């Protein structure tokens, strides 16, 4: 572990030592993506194509064909 001088990350305002616990508490939280909403978005993209294929959908969404199948299977 290194001690680095400089401004505190994530806008932490404390004169005390910054510990892992403090860092984790102040670190911005990532919002978890709802898989059903993702599946509905994939389905909408799939249905909007003139000639709908899993391959074309995967290319548009920049994911693998397998991932498109996995996500769309959530709606079954």
C-alpha atoms as a PDB file:
ATOM      1  CA  UNK A   1       0.000   0.000   0.000  1.00  0.00           C
ATOM      2  CA  UNK A   2       1.266   3.451  -0.857  1.00  0.00           C
ATOM      3  CA  UNK A   3       0.643   6.757   0.799  1.00  0.00           C
ATOM      4  CA  UNK A   4      -0.038   9.369  -1.849  1.00  0.00           C
ATOM      5  CA  UNK A   5      -0.349  13.054  -1.105  1.00  0.00           C
ATOM      6  CA  UNK A   6      -2.908  15.155  -2.894  1.00  0.00           C
ATOM      7  CA  UNK A   7      -6.602  15.919  -2.922  1.00  0.00           C
ATOM      8  CA  UNK A   8      -8.950  13.262  -1.567  1.00  0.00           C
ATOM      9  CA  UNK A   9     -10.833  11.282  -4.223  1.00  0.00           C
ATOM     10  CA  UNK A  10     -14.630  11.364  -4.636  1.00  0.00           C
ATOM     11  CA  UNK A  11     -14.890  14.696  -2.808  1.00  0.00           C
ATOM     12  CA  UNK A  12     -14.087  13.204   0.592  1.00  0.00           C
ATOM     13  CA  UNK A  13     -13.670  15.993   3.126  1.00  0.00           C
ATOM     14  CA  UNK A  14     -11.795  14.742   6.160  1.00  0.00           C
ATOM     15  CA  UNK A  15      -8.599  15.531   7.970  1.00  0.00           C
ATOM     16  CA  UNK A  16      -8.321  11.935   9.177  1.00  0.00           C
ATOM     17  CA  UNK A  17      -6.636   9.072   7.385  1.00  0.00           C
ATOM     18  CA  UNK A  18      -8.669   7.842   4.430  1.00  0.00           C
ATOM     19  CA  UNK A  19      -9.279   4.118   4.854  1.00  0.00           C
ATOM     20  CA  UNK A  20     -10.705   1.512   2.480  1.00  0.00           C
ATOM     21  CA  UNK A  21     -13.994   1.712   4.357  1.00  0.00           C
ATOM     22  CA  UNK A  22     -14.235   5.485   3.820  1.00  0.00           C
ATOM     23  CA  UNK A  23     -13.312   5.085   0.138  1.00  0.00           C
ATOM     24  CA  UNK A  24     -15.965   2.403  -0.396  1.00  0.00           C
ATOM     25  CA  UNK A  25     -18.590   4.516   1.354  1.00  0.00           C
ATOM     26  CA  UNK A  26     -17.910   7.579  -0.823  1.00  0.00           C
ATOM     27  CA  UNK A  27     -17.239   5.803  -4.124  1.00  0.00           C
ATOM     28  CA  UNK A  28     -20.019   6.489  -6.671  1.00  0.00           C
ATOM     29  CA  UNK A  29     -22.394   3.539  -6.909  1.00  0.00           C
ATOM     30  CA  UNK A  30     -23.148   1.953 -10.270  1.00  0.00           C
ATOM     31  CA  UNK A  31     -26.827   1.521 -10.956  1.00  0.00           C
ATOM     32  CA  UNK A  32     -27.665  -2.109 -11.650  1.00  0.00           C
ATOM     33  CA  UNK A  33     -29.302  -2.588 -15.031  1.00  0.00           C
ATOM     34  CA  UNK A  34     -32.649  -4.375 -14.972  1.00  0.00           C
ATOM     35  CA  UNK A  35     -32.278  -7.463 -17.215  1.00  0.00           C
ATOM     36  CA  UNK A  36     -35.943  -7.402 -18.257  1.00  0.00           C
ATOM     37  CA  UNK A  37     -35.629  -3.794 -19.442  1.00  0.00           C
ATOM     38  CA  UNK A  38     -32.510  -4.809 -21.354  1.00  0.00           C
ATOM     39  CA  UNK A  39     -34.395  -7.727 -22.911  1.00  0.00           C
ATOM     40  CA  UNK A  40     -37.239  -5.449 -23.984  1.00  0.00           C
ATOM     41  CA  UNK A  41     -34.749  -3.056 -25.585  1.00  0.00           C
ATOM     42  CA  UNK A  42     -33.092  -5.974 -27.444  1.00  0.00           C
ATOM     43  CA  UNK A  43     -36.533  -7.188 -28.605  1.00  0.00           C
ATOM     44  CA  UNK A  44     -37.457  -3.715 -29.848  1.00  0.00           C
ATOM     45  CA  UNK A  45     -34.186  -3.513 -31.789  1.00  0.00           C
ATOM     46  CA  UNK A  46     -34.748  -7.012 -33.207  1.00  0.00           C
ATOM     47  CA  UNK A  47     -38.301  -6.217 -34.321  1.00  0.00           C
ATOM     48  CA  UNK A  48     -37.332  -2.870 -35.858  1.00  0.00           C
ATOM     49  CA  UNK A  49     -35.145  -4.548 -38.479  1.00  0.00           C
ATOM     50  CA  UNK A  50     -36.512  -5.120 -41.991  1.00  0.00           C
ATOM     51  CA  UNK A  51     -35.059  -8.644 -41.989  1.00  0.00           C
ATOM     52  CA  UNK A  52     -34.713  -9.475 -38.273  1.00  0.00           C
ATOM     53  CA  UNK A  53     -31.850 -11.802 -37.421  1.00  0.00           C
ATOM     54  CA  UNK A  54     -29.944 -12.427 -34.219  1.00  0.00           C
ATOM     55  CA  UNK A  55     -26.691 -11.680 -36.070  1.00  0.00           C
ATOM     56  CA  UNK A  56     -27.884  -8.254 -37.252  1.00  0.00           C
ATOM     57  CA  UNK A  57     -29.225  -7.410 -33.794  1.00  0.00           C
ATOM     58  CA  UNK A  58     -25.920  -8.429 -32.209  1.00  0.00           C
ATOM     59  CA  UNK A  59     -23.979  -6.211 -34.616  1.00  0.00           C
ATOM     60  CA  UNK A  60     -26.203  -3.195 -33.899  1.00  0.00           C
ATOM     61  CA  UNK A  61     -25.988  -3.677 -30.124  1.00  0.00           C
ATOM     62  CA  UNK A  62     -22.275  -4.562 -30.297  1.00  0.00           C
ATOM     63  CA  UNK A  63     -22.670  -7.802 -28.346  1.00  0.00           C
ATOM     64  CA  UNK A  64     -22.321 -11.461 -29.289  1.00  0.00           C
ATOM     65  CA  UNK A  65     -25.091 -13.528 -30.874  1.00  0.00           C
ATOM     66  CA  UNK A  66     -25.089 -15.720 -27.792  1.00  0.00           C
ATOM     67  CA  UNK A  67     -25.680 -12.717 -25.550  1.00  0.00           C
ATOM     68  CA  UNK A  68     -28.640 -11.604 -27.673  1.00  0.00           C
ATOM     69  CA  UNK A  69     -30.118 -15.117 -27.380  1.00  0.00           C
ATOM     70  CA  UNK A  70     -29.567 -15.199 -23.607  1.00  0.00           C
ATOM     71  CA  UNK A  71     -31.230 -11.844 -23.068  1.00  0.00           C
ATOM     72  CA  UNK A  72     -34.166 -12.555 -25.400  1.00  0.00           C
ATOM     73  CA  UNK A  73     -34.755 -15.904 -23.656  1.00  0.00           C
ATOM     74  CA  UNK A  74     -35.534 -13.979 -20.463  1.00  0.00           C
ATOM     75  CA  UNK A  75     -38.793 -12.910 -22.093  1.00  0.00           C
ATOM     76  CA  UNK A  76     -39.977 -16.483 -22.707  1.00  0.00           C
END
